[in-house]
């Protein structure tokens, strides 16, 4: 019986695509080949969407400088609706149930509105891009 439990735990951990490197404060996803910033800054830094884009482009974190602001569909890959109450994959440590800016700015609103991910619902919304929201930068693993 113990062998079966250990085997199950090992199998589940090998199949999990997201892993957190707590020393470097990142989460990397082998399935999507993305690396996510996961530091206290994700809780503390709030900027407008244009400032968030610049923040990610200028970020030097975990030894990398090629960070960017995520697209909404990339945020969707880290949503976990079974992880209540904050619907973000359990690999992430620094979580707040508020909006995180995404890349897309909408032309249909004359570029006044941009997408953001709200992890309380695990849903993408859009809002005035001049409002302050949180930032979680991402980079490609390749």
C-alpha atoms as a PDB file:
ATOM      1  CA  UNK A   1       0.000   0.000   0.000  1.00  0.00           C
ATOM      2  CA  UNK A   2       2.761   2.474   0.897  1.00  0.00           C
ATOM      3  CA  UNK A   3       4.517   1.682  -2.361  1.00  0.00           C
ATOM      4  CA  UNK A   4       1.348   2.547  -4.301  1.00  0.00           C
ATOM      5  CA  UNK A   5       0.999   5.900  -2.504  1.00  0.00           C
ATOM      6  CA  UNK A   6       4.641   6.789  -3.147  1.00  0.00           C
ATOM      7  CA  UNK A   7       4.278   5.734  -6.784  1.00  0.00           C
ATOM      8  CA  UNK A   8       1.160   7.896  -7.154  1.00  0.00           C
ATOM      9  CA  UNK A   9       2.887  10.939  -5.635  1.00  0.00           C
ATOM     10  CA  UNK A  10       5.941  10.519  -7.874  1.00  0.00           C
ATOM     11  CA  UNK A  11       3.762  10.050 -10.966  1.00  0.00           C
ATOM     12  CA  UNK A  12       1.704  13.150 -10.209  1.00  0.00           C
ATOM     13  CA  UNK A  13       4.773  15.277  -9.584  1.00  0.00           C
ATOM     14  CA  UNK A  14       6.395  14.126 -12.832  1.00  0.00           C
ATOM     15  CA  UNK A  15       3.244  14.907 -14.818  1.00  0.00           C
ATOM     16  CA  UNK A  16       2.825  18.395 -13.367  1.00  0.00           C
ATOM     17  CA  UNK A  17       3.941  20.852 -15.993  1.00  0.00           C
ATOM     18  CA  UNK A  18       4.367  23.827 -13.621  1.00  0.00           C
ATOM     19  CA  UNK A  19       7.172  23.946 -11.123  1.00  0.00           C
ATOM     20  CA  UNK A  20       8.275  26.731  -8.788  1.00  0.00           C
ATOM     21  CA  UNK A  21      11.911  27.623  -8.229  1.00  0.00           C
ATOM     22  CA  UNK A  22      11.600  29.329  -4.862  1.00  0.00           C
ATOM     23  CA  UNK A  23      15.200  30.548  -4.808  1.00  0.00           C
ATOM     24  CA  UNK A  24      14.855  32.387  -8.137  1.00  0.00           C
ATOM     25  CA  UNK A  25      11.174  33.275  -7.524  1.00  0.00           C
ATOM     26  CA  UNK A  26       9.911  31.931 -10.833  1.00  0.00           C
ATOM     27  CA  UNK A  27       7.396  29.367 -12.020  1.00  0.00           C
ATOM     28  CA  UNK A  28       8.198  27.560 -15.222  1.00  0.00           C
ATOM     29  CA  UNK A  29       5.723  25.635 -17.310  1.00  0.00           C
ATOM     30  CA  UNK A  30       7.168  22.856 -19.446  1.00  0.00           C
ATOM     31  CA  UNK A  31       3.888  22.419 -21.346  1.00  0.00           C
ATOM     32  CA  UNK A  32       3.714  26.012 -22.645  1.00  0.00           C
ATOM     33  CA  UNK A  33       7.465  26.714 -22.459  1.00  0.00           C
ATOM     34  CA  UNK A  34       6.848  29.855 -20.405  1.00  0.00           C
ATOM     35  CA  UNK A  35       8.608  31.183 -17.308  1.00  0.00           C
ATOM     36  CA  UNK A  36       6.584  33.360 -14.935  1.00  0.00           C
ATOM     37  CA  UNK A  37       7.785  35.947 -12.440  1.00  0.00           C
ATOM     38  CA  UNK A  38       6.599  34.934  -8.951  1.00  0.00           C
ATOM     39  CA  UNK A  39       7.958  37.391  -6.398  1.00  0.00           C
ATOM     40  CA  UNK A  40       6.700  39.884  -3.813  1.00  0.00           C
ATOM     41  CA  UNK A  41       6.600  42.454  -6.607  1.00  0.00           C
ATOM     42  CA  UNK A  42       3.550  40.593  -7.960  1.00  0.00           C
ATOM     43  CA  UNK A  43       1.733  41.701  -4.799  1.00  0.00           C
ATOM     44  CA  UNK A  44       3.196  45.162  -4.345  1.00  0.00           C
ATOM     45  CA  UNK A  45       3.738  46.766  -7.753  1.00  0.00           C
ATOM     46  CA  UNK A  46       0.667  48.375  -9.296  1.00  0.00           C
ATOM     47  CA  UNK A  47       0.926  50.383 -12.517  1.00  0.00           C
ATOM     48  CA  UNK A  48      -1.130  51.489 -15.487  1.00  0.00           C
ATOM     49  CA  UNK A  49      -1.113  49.122 -18.472  1.00  0.00           C
ATOM     50  CA  UNK A  50       1.398  51.196 -20.497  1.00  0.00           C
ATOM     51  CA  UNK A  51       3.665  51.411 -17.431  1.00  0.00           C
ATOM     52  CA  UNK A  52       3.260  47.644 -16.905  1.00  0.00           C
ATOM     53  CA  UNK A  53       4.461  46.957 -20.453  1.00  0.00           C
ATOM     54  CA  UNK A  54       7.549  49.095 -19.814  1.00  0.00           C
ATOM     55  CA  UNK A  55       8.088  47.519 -16.368  1.00  0.00           C
ATOM     56  CA  UNK A  56       8.226  44.008 -17.852  1.00  0.00           C
ATOM     57  CA  UNK A  57      10.441  45.070 -20.756  1.00  0.00           C
ATOM     58  CA  UNK A  58      12.925  46.599 -18.290  1.00  0.00           C
ATOM     59  CA  UNK A  59      12.708  43.849 -15.654  1.00  0.00           C
ATOM     60  CA  UNK A  60      15.874  42.020 -14.655  1.00  0.00           C
ATOM     61  CA  UNK A  61      14.795  39.011 -12.603  1.00  0.00           C
ATOM     62  CA  UNK A  62      16.214  35.516 -11.946  1.00  0.00           C
ATOM     63  CA  UNK A  63      19.159  36.283 -14.209  1.00  0.00           C
ATOM     64  CA  UNK A  64      17.016  37.176 -17.242  1.00  0.00           C
ATOM     65  CA  UNK A  65      16.242  40.479 -18.928  1.00  0.00           C
ATOM     66  CA  UNK A  66      13.893  39.348 -21.725  1.00  0.00           C
ATOM     67  CA  UNK A  67      10.644  39.594 -19.780  1.00  0.00           C
ATOM     68  CA  UNK A  68       7.385  40.861 -21.288  1.00  0.00           C
ATOM     69  CA  UNK A  69       3.791  41.426 -20.290  1.00  0.00           C
ATOM     70  CA  UNK A  70       1.662  38.312 -20.947  1.00  0.00           C
ATOM     71  CA  UNK A  71      -1.165  37.944 -23.421  1.00  0.00           C
ATOM     72  CA  UNK A  72      -4.572  36.999 -22.007  1.00  0.00           C
ATOM     73  CA  UNK A  73      -4.395  33.518 -23.534  1.00  0.00           C
ATOM     74  CA  UNK A  74      -1.082  32.943 -21.739  1.00  0.00           C
ATOM     75  CA  UNK A  75      -2.703  33.873 -18.424  1.00  0.00           C
ATOM     76  CA  UNK A  76      -5.404  31.300 -19.219  1.00  0.00           C
ATOM     77  CA  UNK A  77      -2.732  28.563 -19.113  1.00  0.00           C
ATOM     78  CA  UNK A  78      -2.058  29.225 -15.406  1.00  0.00           C
ATOM     79  CA  UNK A  79      -5.713  29.349 -14.335  1.00  0.00           C
ATOM     80  CA  UNK A  80      -6.709  26.438 -12.104  1.00  0.00           C
ATOM     81  CA  UNK A  81     -10.420  26.552 -11.257  1.00  0.00           C
ATOM     82  CA  UNK A  82      -9.939  23.812  -8.634  1.00  0.00           C
ATOM     83  CA  UNK A  83      -7.610  26.032  -6.576  1.00  0.00           C
ATOM     84  CA  UNK A  84     -10.124  28.093  -4.643  1.00  0.00           C
ATOM     85  CA  UNK A  85     -10.357  30.924  -3.850  1.00  0.00           C
ATOM     86  CA  UNK A  86      -7.761  32.322  -6.237  1.00  0.00           C
ATOM     87  CA  UNK A  87      -7.940  30.151  -9.386  1.00  0.00           C
ATOM     88  CA  UNK A  88      -4.223  30.233 -10.167  1.00  0.00           C
ATOM     89  CA  UNK A  89      -2.020  27.169 -10.361  1.00  0.00           C
ATOM     90  CA  UNK A  90      -0.782  25.953  -6.985  1.00  0.00           C
ATOM     91  CA  UNK A  91       2.843  26.361  -8.102  1.00  0.00           C
ATOM     92  CA  UNK A  92       2.510  30.137  -7.577  1.00  0.00           C
ATOM     93  CA  UNK A  93       3.273  31.561  -4.141  1.00  0.00           C
ATOM     94  CA  UNK A  94       2.666  35.303  -4.549  1.00  0.00           C
ATOM     95  CA  UNK A  95      -1.024  35.599  -5.364  1.00  0.00           C
ATOM     96  CA  UNK A  96      -3.546  38.361  -4.964  1.00  0.00           C
ATOM     97  CA  UNK A  97      -7.174  38.168  -6.046  1.00  0.00           C
ATOM     98  CA  UNK A  98      -7.083  41.273  -8.156  1.00  0.00           C
ATOM     99  CA  UNK A  99      -6.392  42.145 -11.768  1.00  0.00           C
ATOM    100  CA  UNK A 100      -3.100  41.587 -13.593  1.00  0.00           C
ATOM    101  CA  UNK A 101      -2.538  43.551 -16.803  1.00  0.00           C
ATOM    102  CA  UNK A 102      -2.241  41.748 -20.130  1.00  0.00           C
ATOM    103  CA  UNK A 103      -0.778  42.865 -23.452  1.00  0.00           C
ATOM    104  CA  UNK A 104      -3.882  43.478 -25.549  1.00  0.00           C
ATOM    105  CA  UNK A 105      -5.175  47.034 -25.931  1.00  0.00           C
ATOM    106  CA  UNK A 106      -8.525  47.267 -27.723  1.00  0.00           C
ATOM    107  CA  UNK A 107      -8.841  49.331 -30.888  1.00  0.00           C
ATOM    108  CA  UNK A 108     -12.643  49.186 -30.648  1.00  0.00           C
ATOM    109  CA  UNK A 109     -12.373  51.405 -27.550  1.00  0.00           C
ATOM    110  CA  UNK A 110      -9.933  53.732 -29.312  1.00  0.00           C
ATOM    111  CA  UNK A 111      -7.120  52.071 -27.371  1.00  0.00           C
ATOM    112  CA  UNK A 112      -8.439  53.305 -23.991  1.00  0.00           C
ATOM    113  CA  UNK A 113      -9.069  49.790 -22.640  1.00  0.00           C
ATOM    114  CA  UNK A 114      -6.785  46.802 -22.166  1.00  0.00           C
ATOM    115  CA  UNK A 115      -7.220  43.185 -21.058  1.00  0.00           C
ATOM    116  CA  UNK A 116      -6.436  41.978 -17.562  1.00  0.00           C
ATOM    117  CA  UNK A 117      -6.730  38.622 -15.795  1.00  0.00           C
ATOM    118  CA  UNK A 118      -8.715  38.520 -12.589  1.00  0.00           C
ATOM    119  CA  UNK A 119      -7.707  35.465 -10.566  1.00  0.00           C
ATOM    120  CA  UNK A 120     -10.691  35.664  -8.213  1.00  0.00           C
ATOM    121  CA  UNK A 121     -12.793  34.436 -11.137  1.00  0.00           C
ATOM    122  CA  UNK A 122     -10.059  33.103 -13.440  1.00  0.00           C
ATOM    123  CA  UNK A 123     -11.521  35.262 -16.206  1.00  0.00           C
ATOM    124  CA  UNK A 124     -10.152  37.895 -18.581  1.00  0.00           C
ATOM    125  CA  UNK A 125     -11.814  41.309 -18.460  1.00  0.00           C
ATOM    126  CA  UNK A 126     -10.893  44.719 -19.848  1.00  0.00           C
ATOM    127  CA  UNK A 127     -10.624  48.087 -18.151  1.00  0.00           C
ATOM    128  CA  UNK A 128      -9.310  51.617 -18.659  1.00  0.00           C
ATOM    129  CA  UNK A 129      -5.592  51.120 -19.264  1.00  0.00           C
ATOM    130  CA  UNK A 130      -4.749  54.139 -17.091  1.00  0.00           C
ATOM    131  CA  UNK A 131      -5.971  52.391 -13.919  1.00  0.00           C
ATOM    132  CA  UNK A 132      -3.374  50.781 -11.697  1.00  0.00           C
ATOM    133  CA  UNK A 133      -3.349  47.000 -11.595  1.00  0.00           C
ATOM    134  CA  UNK A 134      -0.843  44.308 -10.676  1.00  0.00           C
ATOM    135  CA  UNK A 135       1.805  42.884 -12.989  1.00  0.00           C
ATOM    136  CA  UNK A 136       3.095  39.336 -13.505  1.00  0.00           C
ATOM    137  CA  UNK A 137       5.759  39.241 -16.201  1.00  0.00           C
ATOM    138  CA  UNK A 138       6.511  36.238 -18.396  1.00  0.00           C
ATOM    139  CA  UNK A 139       9.269  35.099 -20.718  1.00  0.00           C
ATOM    140  CA  UNK A 140       9.657  32.352 -23.274  1.00  0.00           C
ATOM    141  CA  UNK A 141      11.825  29.426 -22.164  1.00  0.00           C
ATOM    142  CA  UNK A 142      13.266  28.988 -25.657  1.00  0.00           C
END
